[in-house]
Amino acid sequence: MARPAFAPLAPLAVLLICAACTTERHTTVVAEPTRAVMVPSDAQLLADSRAACTGYGLQAGTSTFDRCVSTEFAARRPG
């Protein structure tokens, strides 16, 4: 019976396949440094809330404006 032409390469092919299977790859994840978060002061939050309500077209000094400022302030306050 005749030997196939690729028979001498078979042991080399098996060796290459085994070598490829045993190679390990490691991934290192580097986290970015945390940044300090600047919390706005209550005065800044109140000013932003008043400006937003004015931007909505509400008149300062009305109960609707005061409710709006209260709601906006609570929504902008962290935590």
PDB file of N, CA and C in Angstrom:
ATOM      1  N   MET A   1       0.843  -1.162   0.000  1.00  0.00           N
ATOM      2  CA  MET A   1       0.000   0.000   0.000  1.00  0.00           C
ATOM      3  C   MET A   1       0.901   1.242   0.000  1.00  0.00           C
ATOM      4  N   ALA A   2       0.565   2.226  -0.781  1.00  0.00           N
ATOM      5  CA  ALA A   2       1.372   3.434  -0.918  1.00  0.00           C
ATOM      6  C   ALA A   2       1.055   4.409   0.218  1.00  0.00           C
ATOM      7  N   ARG A   3       2.062   5.099   0.688  1.00  0.00           N
ATOM      8  CA  ARG A   3       1.878   6.104   1.746  1.00  0.00           C
ATOM      9  C   ARG A   3       1.440   7.429   1.111  1.00  0.00           C
ATOM     10  N   PRO A   4       0.519   8.123   1.743  1.00  0.00           N
ATOM     11  CA  PRO A   4       0.132   9.419   1.205  1.00  0.00           C
ATOM     12  C   PRO A   4       1.317  10.393   1.248  1.00  0.00           C
ATOM     13  N   ALA A   5       1.288  11.412   0.387  1.00  0.00           N
ATOM     14  CA  ALA A   5       2.386  12.378   0.282  1.00  0.00           C
ATOM     15  C   ALA A   5       2.527  13.228   1.533  1.00  0.00           C
ATOM     16  N   PHE A   6       1.449  13.409   2.257  1.00  0.00           N
ATOM     17  CA  PHE A   6       1.513  14.263   3.441  1.00  0.00           C
ATOM     18  C   PHE A   6       1.866  13.505   4.715  1.00  0.00           C
ATOM     19  N   ALA A   7       2.098  12.226   4.644  1.00  0.00           N
ATOM     20  CA  ALA A   7       2.377  11.408   5.825  1.00  0.00           C
ATOM     21  C   ALA A   7       3.576  11.910   6.619  1.00  0.00           C
ATOM     22  N   PRO A   8       4.692  12.346   6.021  1.00  0.00           N
ATOM     23  CA  PRO A   8       5.814  12.839   6.832  1.00  0.00           C
ATOM     24  C   PRO A   8       5.479  14.122   7.590  1.00  0.00           C
ATOM     25  N   LEU A   9       4.466  14.842   7.151  1.00  0.00           N
ATOM     26  CA  LEU A   9       4.114  16.102   7.800  1.00  0.00           C
ATOM     27  C   LEU A   9       3.106  15.920   8.943  1.00  0.00           C
ATOM     28  N   ALA A  10       2.525  14.753   9.060  1.00  0.00           N
ATOM     29  CA  ALA A  10       1.498  14.516  10.073  1.00  0.00           C
ATOM     30  C   ALA A  10       2.015  14.742  11.498  1.00  0.00           C
ATOM     31  N   PRO A  11       3.180  14.227  11.894  1.00  0.00           N
ATOM     32  CA  PRO A  11       3.653  14.490  13.267  1.00  0.00           C
ATOM     33  C   PRO A  11       3.897  15.976  13.518  1.00  0.00           C
ATOM     34  N   LEU A  12       4.386  16.679  12.513  1.00  0.00           N
ATOM     35  CA  LEU A  12       4.618  18.116  12.664  1.00  0.00           C
ATOM     36  C   LEU A  12       3.283  18.852  12.833  1.00  0.00           C
ATOM     37  N   ALA A  13       2.273  18.461  12.079  1.00  0.00           N
ATOM     38  CA  ALA A  13       0.959  19.081  12.186  1.00  0.00           C
ATOM     39  C   ALA A  13       0.363  18.860  13.574  1.00  0.00           C
ATOM     40  N   VAL A  14       0.502  17.647  14.104  1.00  0.00           N
ATOM     41  CA  VAL A  14      -0.011  17.343  15.448  1.00  0.00           C
ATOM     42  C   VAL A  14       0.721  18.186  16.486  1.00  0.00           C
ATOM     43  N   LEU A  15       2.018  18.333  16.343  1.00  0.00           N
ATOM     44  CA  LEU A  15       2.812  19.138  17.268  1.00  0.00           C
ATOM     45  C   LEU A  15       2.383  20.598  17.235  1.00  0.00           C
ATOM     46  N   LEU A  16       2.143  21.142  16.065  1.00  0.00           N
ATOM     47  CA  LEU A  16       1.718  22.540  15.934  1.00  0.00           C
ATOM     48  C   LEU A  16       0.337  22.758  16.533  1.00  0.00           C
ATOM     49  N   ILE A  17      -0.559  21.799  16.335  1.00  0.00           N
ATOM     50  CA  ILE A  17      -1.897  21.924  16.901  1.00  0.00           C
ATOM     51  C   ILE A  17      -1.835  21.888  18.420  1.00  0.00           C
ATOM     52  N   CYS A  18      -1.032  20.998  18.976  1.00  0.00           N
ATOM     53  CA  CYS A  18      -0.900  20.909  20.437  1.00  0.00           C
ATOM     54  C   CYS A  18      -0.268  22.170  21.003  1.00  0.00           C
ATOM     55  N   ALA A  19       0.719  22.709  20.317  1.00  0.00           N
ATOM     56  CA  ALA A  19       1.380  23.933  20.781  1.00  0.00           C
ATOM     57  C   ALA A  19       0.402  25.105  20.771  1.00  0.00           C
ATOM     58  N   ALA A  20      -0.449  25.167  19.763  1.00  0.00           N
ATOM     59  CA  ALA A  20      -1.429  26.246  19.679  1.00  0.00           C
ATOM     60  C   ALA A  20      -2.459  26.126  20.789  1.00  0.00           C
ATOM     61  N   CYS A  21      -2.816  24.933  21.171  1.00  0.00           N
ATOM     62  CA  CYS A  21      -3.822  24.730  22.210  1.00  0.00           C
ATOM     63  C   CYS A  21      -3.303  25.074  23.597  1.00  0.00           C
ATOM     64  N   THR A  22      -2.010  24.963  23.820  1.00  0.00           N
ATOM     65  CA  THR A  22      -1.457  25.190  25.148  1.00  0.00           C
ATOM     66  C   THR A  22      -1.014  26.628  25.364  1.00  0.00           C
ATOM     67  N   THR A  23      -1.104  27.474  24.358  1.00  0.00           N
ATOM     68  CA  THR A  23      -0.696  28.867  24.507  1.00  0.00           C
ATOM     69  C   THR A  23      -1.752  29.611  25.303  1.00  0.00           C
ATOM     70  N   GLU A  24      -1.317  30.315  26.345  1.00  0.00           N
ATOM     71  CA  GLU A  24      -2.241  31.093  27.168  1.00  0.00           C
ATOM     72  C   GLU A  24      -2.114  32.560  26.819  1.00  0.00           C
ATOM     73  N   ARG A  25      -3.227  33.233  26.887  1.00  0.00           N
ATOM     74  CA  ARG A  25      -3.226  34.672  26.661  1.00  0.00           C
ATOM     75  C   ARG A  25      -3.816  35.331  27.896  1.00  0.00           C
ATOM     76  N   HIS A  26      -3.149  36.355  28.358  1.00  0.00           N
ATOM     77  CA  HIS A  26      -3.605  37.083  29.534  1.00  0.00           C
ATOM     78  C   HIS A  26      -3.917  38.511  29.131  1.00  0.00           C
ATOM     79  N   THR A  27      -5.011  39.007  29.642  1.00  0.00           N
ATOM     80  CA  THR A  27      -5.403  40.386  29.392  1.00  0.00           C
ATOM     81  C   THR A  27      -5.380  41.129  30.712  1.00  0.00           C
ATOM     82  N   THR A  28      -4.720  42.258  30.721  1.00  0.00           N
ATOM     83  CA  THR A  28      -4.671  43.084  31.914  1.00  0.00           C
ATOM     84  C   THR A  28      -5.551  44.301  31.691  1.00  0.00           C
ATOM     85  N   VAL A  29      -6.493  44.505  32.587  1.00  0.00           N
ATOM     86  CA  VAL A  29      -7.390  45.646  32.501  1.00  0.00           C
ATOM     87  C   VAL A  29      -6.875  46.708  33.443  1.00  0.00           C
ATOM     88  N   VAL A  30      -6.660  47.889  32.907  1.00  0.00           N
ATOM     89  CA  VAL A  30      -6.172  49.002  33.709  1.00  0.00           C
ATOM     90  C   VAL A  30      -7.315  49.996  33.847  1.00  0.00           C
ATOM     91  N   ALA A  31      -7.720  50.237  35.075  1.00  0.00           N
ATOM     92  CA  ALA A  31      -8.821  51.160  35.321  1.00  0.00           C
ATOM     93  C   ALA A  31      -8.300  52.589  35.319  1.00  0.00           C
ATOM     94  N   GLU A  32      -9.158  53.492  34.868  1.00  0.00           N
ATOM     95  CA  GLU A  32      -8.790  54.893  34.894  1.00  0.00           C
ATOM     96  C   GLU A  32      -8.872  55.384  36.337  1.00  0.00           C
ATOM     97  N   PRO A  33      -8.027  56.322  36.687  1.00  0.00           N
ATOM     98  CA  PRO A  33      -8.109  56.856  38.050  1.00  0.00           C
ATOM     99  C   PRO A  33      -9.443  57.572  38.251  1.00  0.00           C
ATOM    100  N   THR A  34      -9.974  57.456  39.452  1.00  0.00           N
ATOM    101  CA  THR A  34     -11.253  58.097  39.729  1.00  0.00           C
ATOM    102  C   THR A  34     -11.062  59.602  39.826  1.00  0.00           C
ATOM    103  N   ARG A  35     -12.074  60.301  39.421  1.00  0.00           N
ATOM    104  CA  ARG A  35     -12.014  61.760  39.455  1.00  0.00           C
ATOM    105  C   ARG A  35     -12.890  62.260  40.595  1.00  0.00           C
ATOM    106  N   ALA A  36     -12.459  63.334  41.205  1.00  0.00           N
ATOM    107  CA  ALA A  36     -13.256  63.935  42.266  1.00  0.00           C
ATOM    108  C   ALA A  36     -14.465  64.612  41.644  1.00  0.00           C
ATOM    109  N   VAL A  37     -15.609  64.405  42.243  1.00  0.00           N
ATOM    110  CA  VAL A  37     -16.841  64.998  41.749  1.00  0.00           C
ATOM    111  C   VAL A  37     -17.120  66.256  42.557  1.00  0.00           C
ATOM    112  N   MET A  38     -17.305  67.341  41.851  1.00  0.00           N
ATOM    113  CA  MET A  38     -17.609  68.600  42.522  1.00  0.00           C
ATOM    114  C   MET A  38     -19.118  68.685  42.741  1.00  0.00           C
ATOM    115  N   VAL A  39     -19.514  68.772  43.983  1.00  0.00           N
ATOM    116  CA  VAL A  39     -20.923  68.889  44.334  1.00  0.00           C
ATOM    117  C   VAL A  39     -21.249  70.374  44.399  1.00  0.00           C
ATOM    118  N   PRO A  40     -22.242  70.828  43.633  1.00  0.00           N
ATOM    119  CA  PRO A  40     -22.577  72.255  43.671  1.00  0.00           C
ATOM    120  C   PRO A  40     -23.171  72.645  45.019  1.00  0.00           C
ATOM    121  N   SER A  41     -22.976  73.902  45.381  1.00  0.00           N
ATOM    122  CA  SER A  41     -23.510  74.384  46.651  1.00  0.00           C
ATOM    123  C   SER A  41     -25.025  74.559  46.540  1.00  0.00           C
ATOM    124  N   ASP A  42     -25.676  74.656  47.688  1.00  0.00           N
ATOM    125  CA  ASP A  42     -27.122  74.872  47.698  1.00  0.00           C
ATOM    126  C   ASP A  42     -27.476  76.199  47.029  1.00  0.00           C
ATOM    127  N   ALA A  43     -26.625  77.214  47.199  1.00  0.00           N
ATOM    128  CA  ALA A  43     -26.887  78.508  46.574  1.00  0.00           C
ATOM    129  C   ALA A  43     -26.854  78.390  45.051  1.00  0.00           C
ATOM    130  N   GLN A  44     -25.893  77.615  44.530  1.00  0.00           N
ATOM    131  CA  GLN A  44     -25.808  77.416  43.087  1.00  0.00           C
ATOM    132  C   GLN A  44     -27.003  76.616  42.577  1.00  0.00           C
ATOM    133  N   LEU A  45     -27.403  75.583  43.331  1.00  0.00           N
ATOM    134  CA  LEU A  45     -28.572  74.794  42.952  1.00  0.00           C
ATOM    135  C   LEU A  45     -29.846  75.642  42.945  1.00  0.00           C
ATOM    136  N   LEU A  46     -29.975  76.534  43.938  1.00  0.00           N
ATOM    137  CA  LEU A  46     -31.147  77.404  44.008  1.00  0.00           C
ATOM    138  C   LEU A  46     -31.159  78.376  42.826  1.00  0.00           C
ATOM    139  N   ALA A  47     -29.993  78.931  42.502  1.00  0.00           N
ATOM    140  CA  ALA A  47     -29.908  79.858  41.372  1.00  0.00           C
ATOM    141  C   ALA A  47     -30.250  79.135  40.063  1.00  0.00           C
ATOM    142  N   ASP A  48     -29.741  77.935  39.892  1.00  0.00           N
ATOM    143  CA  ASP A  48     -30.044  77.153  38.683  1.00  0.00           C
ATOM    144  C   ASP A  48     -31.535  76.804  38.611  1.00  0.00           C
ATOM    145  N   SER A  49     -32.114  76.472  39.754  1.00  0.00           N
ATOM    146  CA  SER A  49     -33.537  76.131  39.792  1.00  0.00           C
ATOM    147  C   SER A  49     -34.402  77.336  39.450  1.00  0.00           C
ATOM    148  N   ARG A  50     -34.047  78.502  40.003  1.00  0.00           N
ATOM    149  CA  ARG A  50     -34.801  79.726  39.702  1.00  0.00           C
ATOM    150  C   ARG A  50     -34.677  80.085  38.225  1.00  0.00           C
ATOM    151  N   ALA A  51     -33.481  79.926  37.678  1.00  0.00           N
ATOM    152  CA  ALA A  51     -33.270  80.234  36.257  1.00  0.00           C
ATOM    153  C   ALA A  51     -34.074  79.294  35.370  1.00  0.00           C
ATOM    154  N   ALA A  52     -34.155  78.031  35.759  1.00  0.00           N
ATOM    155  CA  ALA A  52     -34.928  77.072  34.971  1.00  0.00           C
ATOM    156  C   ALA A  52     -36.407  77.433  34.983  1.00  0.00           C
ATOM    157  N   CYS A  53     -36.936  77.762  36.143  1.00  0.00           N
ATOM    158  CA  CYS A  53     -38.353  78.100  36.248  1.00  0.00           C
ATOM    159  C   CYS A  53     -38.673  79.392  35.502  1.00  0.00           C
ATOM    160  N   THR A  54     -37.762  80.344  35.534  1.00  0.00           N
ATOM    161  CA  THR A  54     -37.933  81.562  34.747  1.00  0.00           C
ATOM    162  C   THR A  54     -37.922  81.218  33.266  1.00  0.00           C
ATOM    163  N   GLY A  55     -37.050  80.300  32.882  1.00  0.00           N
ATOM    164  CA  GLY A  55     -36.983  79.855  31.494  1.00  0.00           C
ATOM    165  C   GLY A  55     -38.244  79.146  31.043  1.00  0.00           C
ATOM    166  N   TYR A  56     -38.977  78.554  31.990  1.00  0.00           N
ATOM    167  CA  TYR A  56     -40.247  77.902  31.658  1.00  0.00           C
ATOM    168  C   TYR A  56     -41.361  78.923  31.447  1.00  0.00           C
ATOM    169  N   GLY A  57     -41.057  80.195  31.745  1.00  0.00           N
ATOM    170  CA  GLY A  57     -42.057  81.244  31.557  1.00  0.00           C
ATOM    171  C   GLY A  57     -42.872  81.553  32.791  1.00  0.00           C
ATOM    172  N   LEU A  58     -42.459  81.045  33.940  1.00  0.00           N
ATOM    173  CA  LEU A  58     -43.197  81.302  35.178  1.00  0.00           C
ATOM    174  C   LEU A  58     -42.746  82.625  35.782  1.00  0.00           C
ATOM    175  N   GLN A  59     -43.673  83.315  36.433  1.00  0.00           N
ATOM    176  CA  GLN A  59     -43.388  84.605  37.046  1.00  0.00           C
ATOM    177  C   GLN A  59     -42.902  84.405  38.478  1.00  0.00           C
ATOM    178  N   ALA A  60     -41.779  85.042  38.821  1.00  0.00           N
ATOM    179  CA  ALA A  60     -41.244  84.961  40.184  1.00  0.00           C
ATOM    180  C   ALA A  60     -42.248  85.561  41.156  1.00  0.00           C
ATOM    181  N   GLY A  61     -42.320  84.998  42.341  1.00  0.00           N
ATOM    182  CA  GLY A  61     -43.212  85.499  43.381  1.00  0.00           C
ATOM    183  C   GLY A  61     -44.576  84.835  43.381  1.00  0.00           C
ATOM    184  N   THR A  62     -44.848  83.936  42.459  1.00  0.00           N
ATOM    185  CA  THR A  62     -46.135  83.228  42.449  1.00  0.00           C
ATOM    186  C   THR A  62     -45.954  81.861  43.105  1.00  0.00           C
ATOM    187  N   SER A  63     -47.070  81.277  43.507  1.00  0.00           N
ATOM    188  CA  SER A  63     -46.989  79.965  44.155  1.00  0.00           C
ATOM    189  C   SER A  63     -46.540  78.896  43.151  1.00  0.00           C
ATOM    190  N   THR A  64     -46.920  79.067  41.889  1.00  0.00           N
ATOM    191  CA  THR A  64     -46.491  78.118  40.854  1.00  0.00           C
ATOM    192  C   THR A  64     -44.977  78.173  40.684  1.00  0.00           C
ATOM    193  N   PHE A  65     -44.428  79.382  40.694  1.00  0.00           N
ATOM    194  CA  PHE A  65     -42.983  79.552  40.577  1.00  0.00           C
ATOM    195  C   PHE A  65     -42.277  78.916  41.778  1.00  0.00           C
ATOM    196  N   ASP A  66     -42.806  79.140  42.964  1.00  0.00           N
ATOM    197  CA  ASP A  66     -42.190  78.586  44.180  1.00  0.00           C
ATOM    198  C   ASP A  66     -42.210  77.055  44.163  1.00  0.00           C
ATOM    199  N   ARG A  67     -43.324  76.461  43.716  1.00  0.00           N
ATOM    200  CA  ARG A  67     -43.395  74.999  43.605  1.00  0.00           C
ATOM    201  C   ARG A  67     -42.384  74.491  42.574  1.00  0.00           C
ATOM    202  N   CYS A  68     -42.288  75.227  41.475  1.00  0.00           N
ATOM    203  CA  CYS A  68     -41.334  74.847  40.427  1.00  0.00           C
ATOM    204  C   CYS A  68     -39.909  74.873  40.967  1.00  0.00           C
ATOM    205  N   VAL A  69     -39.562  75.940  41.677  1.00  0.00           N
ATOM    206  CA  VAL A  69     -38.209  76.052  42.243  1.00  0.00           C
ATOM    207  C   VAL A  69     -37.957  74.905  43.215  1.00  0.00           C
ATOM    208  N   SER A  70     -38.935  74.587  44.032  1.00  0.00           N
ATOM    209  CA  SER A  70     -38.789  73.495  44.995  1.00  0.00           C
ATOM    210  C   SER A  70     -38.567  72.160  44.284  1.00  0.00           C
ATOM    211  N   THR A  71     -39.348  71.912  43.235  1.00  0.00           N
ATOM    212  CA  THR A  71     -39.225  70.663  42.484  1.00  0.00           C
ATOM    213  C   THR A  71     -37.888  70.585  41.758  1.00  0.00           C
ATOM    214  N   GLU A  72     -37.494  71.689  41.116  1.00  0.00           N
ATOM    215  CA  GLU A  72     -36.218  71.727  40.394  1.00  0.00           C
ATOM    216  C   GLU A  72     -35.044  71.551  41.359  1.00  0.00           C
ATOM    217  N   PHE A  73     -35.117  72.203  42.505  1.00  0.00           N
ATOM    218  CA  PHE A  73     -34.038  72.087  43.498  1.00  0.00           C
ATOM    219  C   PHE A  73     -33.886  70.641  43.963  1.00  0.00           C
ATOM    220  N   ALA A  74     -35.025  69.994  44.246  1.00  0.00           N
ATOM    221  CA  ALA A  74     -34.973  68.594  44.704  1.00  0.00           C
ATOM    222  C   ALA A  74     -34.422  67.683  43.601  1.00  0.00           C
ATOM    223  N   ALA A  75     -34.770  67.967  42.350  1.00  0.00           N
ATOM    224  CA  ALA A  75     -34.296  67.136  41.240  1.00  0.00           C
ATOM    225  C   ALA A  75     -32.808  67.332  40.991  1.00  0.00           C
ATOM    226  N   ARG A  76     -32.288  68.512  41.259  1.00  0.00           N
ATOM    227  CA  ARG A  76     -30.869  68.811  40.994  1.00  0.00           C
ATOM    228  C   ARG A  76     -29.955  68.414  42.142  1.00  0.00           C
ATOM    229  N   ARG A  77     -30.525  68.230  43.313  1.00  0.00           N
ATOM    230  CA  ARG A  77     -29.723  67.928  44.485  1.00  0.00           C
ATOM    231  C   ARG A  77     -29.225  66.473  44.426  1.00  0.00           C
ATOM    232  N   PRO A  78     -27.922  66.280  44.589  1.00  0.00           N
ATOM    233  CA  PRO A  78     -27.410  64.901  44.538  1.00  0.00           C
ATOM    234  C   PRO A  78     -27.874  64.078  45.733  1.00  0.00           C
ATOM    235  N   GLY A  79     -28.043  62.800  45.495  1.00  0.00           N
ATOM    236  CA  GLY A  79     -28.386  61.884  46.578  1.00  0.00           C
ATOM    237  C   GLY A  79     -29.779  61.647  46.697  1.00  0.00           C
TER     238      GLY A  79
END
